[in-house]
Structure formats: structure tokens, C-alpha cells
Amino acid sequence: MCLAVPVRVERLLDNEMAVVEMDGLRKEISLALVDGVREGDYVILHVGYALTRLDPEEAERTLALFAELANRLDDLGEVRP
């Protein structure tokens, strides 16, 4: 199963690429599908591509829900990827 997740753009690169931060990890992604992305923006990431920009408050709420889900899975003894 694939999941689209909010990520914060840390640094813009050449060729419509950017470095994003996701749960402490940094990854290079493509911005080819989204115009006007700036450093500090949140985008929805899916299979290496930013799909849309996201309001920071909505991004933070979504990330908090993902963190809560991960904690509950830990409490149940589920294996996290």
C-alpha cells in the first residue's frame, strides 16, 4: 500500500527538485508537478513527487495524527515499517 504524506521542504535544488524532511529523515523529491513551492512549505509527497502544497496547520495536524497512530501501534506491539 502506498501512502501520500505531508513533508516540509528544507531546501530547493536545481531541476525542480527539493530536499524534504520526514520524521527526521531527509530525502530528495521532485517538484515538477507543483508550481511555486518555497523553502519551508509543506507538500503532499507520493512516490517521490510533490502532488500539492499544503497549509502548514493542516500538515501539522496530519503529522500529529500519524504520530498518534504510530504510538498506538507500538502500544499494541505491532511492527512498524
PDB file of N, CA and C in Angstrom:
ATOM      1  N   MET A   1       0.845  -1.165   0.000  1.00  0.00           N
ATOM      2  CA  MET A   1       0.000   0.000   0.000  1.00  0.00           C
ATOM      3  C   MET A   1       0.897   1.236   0.000  1.00  0.00           C
ATOM      4  N   CYS A   2       0.521   2.206  -0.779  1.00  0.00           N
ATOM      5  CA  CYS A   2       1.233   3.482  -0.831  1.00  0.00           C
ATOM      6  C   CYS A   2       0.440   4.530  -0.068  1.00  0.00           C
ATOM      7  N   LEU A   3       1.159   5.449   0.520  1.00  0.00           N
ATOM      8  CA  LEU A   3       0.534   6.486   1.313  1.00  0.00           C
ATOM      9  C   LEU A   3       1.143   7.825   0.932  1.00  0.00           C
ATOM     10  N   ALA A   4       0.321   8.830   0.734  1.00  0.00           N
ATOM     11  CA  ALA A   4       0.808  10.187   0.496  1.00  0.00           C
ATOM     12  C   ALA A   4       0.902  10.887   1.846  1.00  0.00           C
ATOM     13  N   VAL A   5       2.037  11.527   2.115  1.00  0.00           N
ATOM     14  CA  VAL A   5       2.269  12.124   3.425  1.00  0.00           C
ATOM     15  C   VAL A   5       2.739  13.570   3.296  1.00  0.00           C
ATOM     16  N   PRO A   6       2.432  14.390   4.303  1.00  0.00           N
ATOM     17  CA  PRO A   6       2.945  15.757   4.295  1.00  0.00           C
ATOM     18  C   PRO A   6       4.424  15.770   4.682  1.00  0.00           C
ATOM     19  N   VAL A   7       5.191  16.580   3.980  1.00  0.00           N
ATOM     20  CA  VAL A   7       6.610  16.758   4.288  1.00  0.00           C
ATOM     21  C   VAL A   7       6.942  18.240   4.167  1.00  0.00           C
ATOM     22  N   ARG A   8       7.964  18.662   4.880  1.00  0.00           N
ATOM     23  CA  ARG A   8       8.395  20.064   4.854  1.00  0.00           C
ATOM     24  C   ARG A   8       9.579  20.207   3.909  1.00  0.00           C
ATOM     25  N   VAL A   9       9.516  21.191   3.022  1.00  0.00           N
ATOM     26  CA  VAL A   9      10.607  21.455   2.078  1.00  0.00           C
ATOM     27  C   VAL A   9      11.722  22.178   2.832  1.00  0.00           C
ATOM     28  N   GLU A  10      12.873  21.531   2.905  1.00  0.00           N
ATOM     29  CA  GLU A  10      14.023  22.096   3.607  1.00  0.00           C
ATOM     30  C   GLU A  10      14.890  22.949   2.686  1.00  0.00           C
ATOM     31  N   ARG A  11      15.087  22.471   1.449  1.00  0.00           N
ATOM     32  CA  ARG A  11      15.993  23.164   0.531  1.00  0.00           C
ATOM     33  C   ARG A  11      15.559  22.918  -0.901  1.00  0.00           C
ATOM     34  N   LEU A  12      15.542  23.969  -1.698  1.00  0.00           N
ATOM     35  CA  LEU A  12      15.256  23.839  -3.125  1.00  0.00           C
ATOM     36  C   LEU A  12      16.548  23.524  -3.864  1.00  0.00           C
ATOM     37  N   LEU A  13      16.455  22.630  -4.837  1.00  0.00           N
ATOM     38  CA  LEU A  13      17.596  22.232  -5.654  1.00  0.00           C
ATOM     39  C   LEU A  13      17.318  22.594  -7.108  1.00  0.00           C
ATOM     40  N   ASP A  14      18.303  22.391  -7.960  1.00  0.00           N
ATOM     41  CA  ASP A  14      18.112  22.598  -9.395  1.00  0.00           C
ATOM     42  C   ASP A  14      17.173  21.541  -9.967  1.00  0.00           C
ATOM     43  N   ASN A  15      16.708  21.786 -11.187  1.00  0.00           N
ATOM     44  CA  ASN A  15      15.919  20.814 -11.955  1.00  0.00           C
ATOM     45  C   ASN A  15      14.623  20.393 -11.268  1.00  0.00           C
ATOM     46  N   GLU A  16      13.941  21.354 -10.639  1.00  0.00           N
ATOM     47  CA  GLU A  16      12.645  21.097  -9.993  1.00  0.00           C
ATOM     48  C   GLU A  16      12.720  19.999  -8.931  1.00  0.00           C
ATOM     49  N   MET A  17      13.801  19.999  -8.191  1.00  0.00           N
ATOM     50  CA  MET A  17      13.991  19.039  -7.108  1.00  0.00           C
ATOM     51  C   MET A  17      14.094  19.793  -5.788  1.00  0.00           C
ATOM     52  N   ALA A  18      13.885  19.070  -4.691  1.00  0.00           N
ATOM     53  CA  ALA A  18      13.995  19.663  -3.359  1.00  0.00           C
ATOM     54  C   ALA A  18      14.406  18.589  -2.365  1.00  0.00           C
ATOM     55  N   VAL A  19      14.947  19.036  -1.252  1.00  0.00           N
ATOM     56  CA  VAL A  19      15.210  18.161  -0.116  1.00  0.00           C
ATOM     57  C   VAL A  19      14.092  18.411   0.883  1.00  0.00           C
ATOM     58  N   VAL A  20      13.461  17.330   1.339  1.00  0.00           N
ATOM     59  CA  VAL A  20      12.393  17.429   2.327  1.00  0.00           C
ATOM     60  C   VAL A  20      12.789  16.666   3.581  1.00  0.00           C
ATOM     61  N   GLU A  21      12.118  17.009   4.680  1.00  0.00           N
ATOM     62  CA  GLU A  21      12.340  16.323   5.943  1.00  0.00           C
ATOM     63  C   GLU A  21      11.079  15.559   6.297  1.00  0.00           C
ATOM     64  N   MET A  22      11.282  14.291   6.682  1.00  0.00           N
ATOM     65  CA  MET A  22      10.160  13.427   7.028  1.00  0.00           C
ATOM     66  C   MET A  22      10.564  12.570   8.224  1.00  0.00           C
ATOM     67  N   ASP A  23      10.021  12.899   9.389  1.00  0.00           N
ATOM     68  CA  ASP A  23      10.292  12.132  10.608  1.00  0.00           C
ATOM     69  C   ASP A  23      11.791  12.017  10.886  1.00  0.00           C
ATOM     70  N   GLY A  24      12.504  13.130  10.691  1.00  0.00           N
ATOM     71  CA  GLY A  24      13.936  13.156  10.954  1.00  0.00           C
ATOM     72  C   GLY A  24      14.807  12.698   9.803  1.00  0.00           C
ATOM     73  N   LEU A  25      14.211  12.202   8.740  1.00  0.00           N
ATOM     74  CA  LEU A  25      14.961  11.756   7.565  1.00  0.00           C
ATOM     75  C   LEU A  25      14.862  12.801   6.471  1.00  0.00           C
ATOM     76  N   ARG A  26      15.938  12.936   5.698  1.00  0.00           N
ATOM     77  CA  ARG A  26      15.921  13.856   4.560  1.00  0.00           C
ATOM     78  C   ARG A  26      15.945  13.052   3.269  1.00  0.00           C
ATOM     79  N   LYS A  27      15.202  13.558   2.272  1.00  0.00           N
ATOM     80  CA  LYS A  27      15.062  12.845   1.005  1.00  0.00           C
ATOM     81  C   LYS A  27      14.924  13.860  -0.118  1.00  0.00           C
ATOM     82  N   GLU A  28      15.487  13.545  -1.278  1.00  0.00           N
ATOM     83  CA  GLU A  28      15.296  14.380  -2.461  1.00  0.00           C
ATOM     84  C   GLU A  28      14.016  13.955  -3.165  1.00  0.00           C
ATOM     85  N   ILE A  29      13.199  14.959  -3.542  1.00  0.00           N
ATOM     86  CA  ILE A  29      11.941  14.682  -4.241  1.00  0.00           C
ATOM     87  C   ILE A  29      11.813  15.599  -5.446  1.00  0.00           C
ATOM     88  N   SER A  30      10.881  15.278  -6.318  1.00  0.00           N
ATOM     89  CA  SER A  30      10.595  16.101  -7.493  1.00  0.00           C
ATOM     90  C   SER A  30       9.465  17.082  -7.190  1.00  0.00           C
ATOM     91  N   LEU A  31       9.657  18.324  -7.645  1.00  0.00           N
ATOM     92  CA  LEU A  31       8.618  19.351  -7.543  1.00  0.00           C
ATOM     93  C   LEU A  31       7.991  19.630  -8.901  1.00  0.00           C
ATOM     94  N   ALA A  32       8.237  18.765  -9.883  1.00  0.00           N
ATOM     95  CA  ALA A  32       7.809  19.010 -11.263  1.00  0.00           C
ATOM     96  C   ALA A  32       6.298  19.182 -11.411  1.00  0.00           C
ATOM     97  N   LEU A  33       5.514  18.635 -10.495  1.00  0.00           N
ATOM     98  CA  LEU A  33       4.055  18.689 -10.615  1.00  0.00           C
ATOM     99  C   LEU A  33       3.416  19.860  -9.870  1.00  0.00           C
ATOM    100  N   VAL A  34       4.228  20.632  -9.137  1.00  0.00           N
ATOM    101  CA  VAL A  34       3.684  21.703  -8.296  1.00  0.00           C
ATOM    102  C   VAL A  34       4.462  22.998  -8.546  1.00  0.00           C
ATOM    103  N   ASP A  35       3.754  24.066  -8.831  1.00  0.00           N
ATOM    104  CA  ASP A  35       4.385  25.368  -9.054  1.00  0.00           C
ATOM    105  C   ASP A  35       4.484  26.163  -7.758  1.00  0.00           C
ATOM    106  N   GLY A  36       5.506  26.997  -7.678  1.00  0.00           N
ATOM    107  CA  GLY A  36       5.599  27.988  -6.614  1.00  0.00           C
ATOM    108  C   GLY A  36       5.973  27.486  -5.243  1.00  0.00           C
ATOM    109  N   VAL A  37       6.585  26.318  -5.145  1.00  0.00           N
ATOM    110  CA  VAL A  37       6.980  25.788  -3.839  1.00  0.00           C
ATOM    111  C   VAL A  37       8.211  26.553  -3.349  1.00  0.00           C
ATOM    112  N   ARG A  38       8.188  26.916  -2.070  1.00  0.00           N
ATOM    113  CA  ARG A  38       9.299  27.633  -1.445  1.00  0.00           C
ATOM    114  C   ARG A  38       9.828  26.833  -0.267  1.00  0.00           C
ATOM    115  N   GLU A  39      11.046  27.153   0.134  1.00  0.00           N
ATOM    116  CA  GLU A  39      11.603  26.526   1.330  1.00  0.00           C
ATOM    117  C   GLU A  39      10.694  26.829   2.512  1.00  0.00           C
ATOM    118  N   GLY A  40      10.425  25.811   3.320  1.00  0.00           N
ATOM    119  CA  GLY A  40       9.537  25.953   4.467  1.00  0.00           C
ATOM    120  C   GLY A  40       8.104  25.539   4.189  1.00  0.00           C
ATOM    121  N   ASP A  41       7.740  25.436   2.909  1.00  0.00           N
ATOM    122  CA  ASP A  41       6.393  24.979   2.555  1.00  0.00           C
ATOM    123  C   ASP A  41       6.227  23.506   2.892  1.00  0.00           C
ATOM    124  N   TYR A  42       4.988  23.113   3.099  1.00  0.00           N
ATOM    125  CA  TYR A  42       4.639  21.702   3.216  1.00  0.00           C
ATOM    126  C   TYR A  42       4.020  21.260   1.901  1.00  0.00           C
ATOM    127  N   VAL A  43       4.361  20.047   1.482  1.00  0.00           N
ATOM    128  CA  VAL A  43       3.769  19.453   0.286  1.00  0.00           C
ATOM    129  C   VAL A  43       3.315  18.042   0.628  1.00  0.00           C
ATOM    130  N   ILE A  44       2.389  17.539  -0.173  1.00  0.00           N
ATOM    131  CA  ILE A  44       1.994  16.135  -0.064  1.00  0.00           C
ATOM    132  C   ILE A  44       2.933  15.341  -0.959  1.00  0.00           C
ATOM    133  N   LEU A  45       3.615  14.351  -0.377  1.00  0.00           N
ATOM    134  CA  LEU A  45       4.593  13.530  -1.087  1.00  0.00           C
ATOM    135  C   LEU A  45       4.013  12.154  -1.369  1.00  0.00           C
ATOM    136  N   HIS A  46       4.146  11.726  -2.618  1.00  0.00           N
ATOM    137  CA  HIS A  46       3.715  10.382  -3.009  1.00  0.00           C
ATOM    138  C   HIS A  46       4.704   9.848  -4.034  1.00  0.00           C
ATOM    139  N   VAL A  47       5.285   8.713  -3.752  1.00  0.00           N
ATOM    140  CA  VAL A  47       6.267   8.017  -4.596  1.00  0.00           C
ATOM    141  C   VAL A  47       7.304   8.967  -5.201  1.00  0.00           C
ATOM    142  N   GLY A  48       7.842   9.858  -4.367  1.00  0.00           N
ATOM    143  CA  GLY A  48       8.932  10.720  -4.796  1.00  0.00           C
ATOM    144  C   GLY A  48       8.536  12.026  -5.448  1.00  0.00           C
ATOM    145  N   TYR A  49       7.239  12.279  -5.573  1.00  0.00           N
ATOM    146  CA  TYR A  49       6.751  13.503  -6.215  1.00  0.00           C
ATOM    147  C   TYR A  49       5.880  14.304  -5.253  1.00  0.00           C
ATOM    148  N   ALA A  50       6.096  15.616  -5.231  1.00  0.00           N
ATOM    149  CA  ALA A  50       5.172  16.504  -4.533  1.00  0.00           C
ATOM    150  C   ALA A  50       3.927  16.621  -5.393  1.00  0.00           C
ATOM    151  N   LEU A  51       2.755  16.415  -4.790  1.00  0.00           N
ATOM    152  CA  LEU A  51       1.498  16.471  -5.537  1.00  0.00           C
ATOM    153  C   LEU A  51       0.794  17.811  -5.397  1.00  0.00           C
ATOM    154  N   THR A  52       0.922  18.445  -4.231  1.00  0.00           N
ATOM    155  CA  THR A  52       0.274  19.733  -3.985  1.00  0.00           C
ATOM    156  C   THR A  52       0.900  20.378  -2.762  1.00  0.00           C
ATOM    157  N   ARG A  53       0.773  21.695  -2.670  1.00  0.00           N
ATOM    158  CA  ARG A  53       1.183  22.378  -1.447  1.00  0.00           C
ATOM    159  C   ARG A  53       0.084  22.190  -0.407  1.00  0.00           C
ATOM    160  N   LEU A  54       0.468  22.299   0.848  1.00  0.00           N
ATOM    161  CA  LEU A  54      -0.459  22.045   1.946  1.00  0.00           C
ATOM    162  C   LEU A  54      -0.328  23.156   2.980  1.00  0.00           C
ATOM    163  N   ASP A  55      -1.457  23.592   3.510  1.00  0.00           N
ATOM    164  CA  ASP A  55      -1.481  24.580   4.575  1.00  0.00           C
ATOM    165  C   ASP A  55      -0.678  24.042   5.764  1.00  0.00           C
ATOM    166  N   PRO A  56       0.206  24.859   6.357  1.00  0.00           N
ATOM    167  CA  PRO A  56       1.034  24.369   7.470  1.00  0.00           C
ATOM    168  C   PRO A  56       0.230  23.808   8.640  1.00  0.00           C
ATOM    169  N   GLU A  57      -0.890  24.433   8.974  1.00  0.00           N
ATOM    170  CA  GLU A  57      -1.701  23.927  10.091  1.00  0.00           C
ATOM    171  C   GLU A  57      -2.279  22.555   9.770  1.00  0.00           C
ATOM    172  N   GLU A  58      -2.748  22.375   8.551  1.00  0.00           N
ATOM    173  CA  GLU A  58      -3.276  21.071   8.147  1.00  0.00           C
ATOM    174  C   GLU A  58      -2.170  20.022   8.141  1.00  0.00           C
ATOM    175  N   ALA A  59      -0.996  20.404   7.668  1.00  0.00           N
ATOM    176  CA  ALA A  59       0.139  19.478   7.650  1.00  0.00           C
ATOM    177  C   ALA A  59       0.493  19.040   9.064  1.00  0.00           C
ATOM    178  N   GLU A  60       0.567  19.988   9.990  1.00  0.00           N
ATOM    179  CA  GLU A  60       0.911  19.654  11.379  1.00  0.00           C
ATOM    180  C   GLU A  60      -0.142  18.754  12.019  1.00  0.00           C
ATOM    181  N   ARG A  61      -1.419  19.018  11.747  1.00  0.00           N
ATOM    182  CA  ARG A  61      -2.490  18.155  12.280  1.00  0.00           C
ATOM    183  C   ARG A  61      -2.350  16.733  11.734  1.00  0.00           C
ATOM    184  N   THR A  62      -2.092  16.627  10.443  1.00  0.00           N
ATOM    185  CA  THR A  62      -1.956  15.308   9.824  1.00  0.00           C
ATOM    186  C   THR A  62      -0.752  14.567  10.386  1.00  0.00           C
ATOM    187  N   LEU A  63       0.377  15.263  10.527  1.00  0.00           N
ATOM    188  CA  LEU A  63       1.570  14.632  11.087  1.00  0.00           C
ATOM    189  C   LEU A  63       1.334  14.198  12.531  1.00  0.00           C
ATOM    190  N   ALA A  64       0.585  14.982  13.294  1.00  0.00           N
ATOM    191  CA  ALA A  64       0.259  14.604  14.672  1.00  0.00           C
ATOM    192  C   ALA A  64      -0.604  13.343  14.701  1.00  0.00           C
ATOM    193  N   LEU A  65      -1.537  13.230  13.773  1.00  0.00           N
ATOM    194  CA  LEU A  65      -2.369  12.021  13.694  1.00  0.00           C
ATOM    195  C   LEU A  65      -1.532  10.800  13.333  1.00  0.00           C
ATOM    196  N   PHE A  66      -0.589  10.956  12.394  1.00  0.00           N
ATOM    197  CA  PHE A  66       0.299   9.843  12.044  1.00  0.00           C
ATOM    198  C   PHE A  66       1.130   9.422  13.255  1.00  0.00           C
ATOM    199  N   ALA A  67       1.629  10.393  14.027  1.00  0.00           N
ATOM    200  CA  ALA A  67       2.420  10.085  15.219  1.00  0.00           C
ATOM    201  C   ALA A  67       1.575   9.351  16.254  1.00  0.00           C
ATOM    202  N   GLU A  68       0.332   9.799  16.438  1.00  0.00           N
ATOM    203  CA  GLU A  68      -0.570   9.132  17.377  1.00  0.00           C
ATOM    204  C   GLU A  68      -0.842   7.692  16.940  1.00  0.00           C
ATOM    205  N   LEU A  69      -1.063   7.492  15.661  1.00  0.00           N
ATOM    206  CA  LEU A  69      -1.285   6.147  15.140  1.00  0.00           C
ATOM    207  C   LEU A  69      -0.067   5.265  15.383  1.00  0.00           C
ATOM    208  N   ALA A  70       1.124   5.792  15.117  1.00  0.00           N
ATOM    209  CA  ALA A  70       2.351   5.022  15.337  1.00  0.00           C
ATOM    210  C   ALA A  70       2.496   4.646  16.809  1.00  0.00           C
ATOM    211  N   ASN A  71       2.191   5.573  17.708  1.00  0.00           N
ATOM    212  CA  ASN A  71       2.277   5.281  19.144  1.00  0.00           C
ATOM    213  C   ASN A  71       1.288   4.202  19.555  1.00  0.00           C
ATOM    214  N   ARG A  72       0.092   4.256  19.017  1.00  0.00           N
ATOM    215  CA  ARG A  72      -0.910   3.233  19.353  1.00  0.00           C
ATOM    216  C   ARG A  72      -0.502   1.864  18.818  1.00  0.00           C
ATOM    217  N   LEU A  73       0.076   1.842  17.626  1.00  0.00           N
ATOM    218  CA  LEU A  73       0.569   0.575  17.090  1.00  0.00           C
ATOM    219  C   LEU A  73       1.688   0.026  17.959  1.00  0.00           C
ATOM    220  N   ASP A  74       2.575   0.916  18.439  1.00  0.00           N
ATOM    221  CA  ASP A  74       3.631   0.487  19.358  1.00  0.00           C
ATOM    222  C   ASP A  74       3.029  -0.112  20.625  1.00  0.00           C
ATOM    223  N   ASP A  75       1.989   0.530  21.148  1.00  0.00           N
ATOM    224  CA  ASP A  75       1.335   0.039  22.361  1.00  0.00           C
ATOM    225  C   ASP A  75       0.724  -1.345  22.149  1.00  0.00           C
ATOM    226  N   LEU A  76       0.263  -1.619  20.938  1.00  0.00           N
ATOM    227  CA  LEU A  76      -0.337  -2.913  20.624  1.00  0.00           C
ATOM    228  C   LEU A  76       0.704  -3.965  20.268  1.00  0.00           C
ATOM    229  N   GLY A  77       1.964  -3.536  20.161  1.00  0.00           N
ATOM    230  CA  GLY A  77       3.023  -4.467  19.807  1.00  0.00           C
ATOM    231  C   GLY A  77       3.104  -4.748  18.323  1.00  0.00           C
ATOM    232  N   GLU A  78       2.483  -3.902  17.515  1.00  0.00           N
ATOM    233  CA  GLU A  78       2.543  -4.073  16.064  1.00  0.00           C
ATOM    234  C   GLU A  78       3.927  -3.675  15.565  1.00  0.00           C
ATOM    235  N   VAL A  79       4.349  -4.309  14.502  1.00  0.00           N
ATOM    236  CA  VAL A  79       5.633  -3.989  13.884  1.00  0.00           C
ATOM    237  C   VAL A  79       5.457  -2.765  13.009  1.00  0.00           C
ATOM    238  N   ARG A  80       6.316  -1.772  13.214  1.00  0.00           N
ATOM    239  CA  ARG A  80       6.284  -0.564  12.389  1.00  0.00           C
ATOM    240  C   ARG A  80       7.277  -0.716  11.252  1.00  0.00           C
ATOM    241  N   PRO A  81       6.901  -0.212  10.074  1.00  0.00           N
ATOM    242  CA  PRO A  81       7.846  -0.285   8.940  1.00  0.00           C
ATOM    243  C   PRO A  81       9.040   0.608   9.159  1.00  0.00           C
TER     244      PRO A  81
END
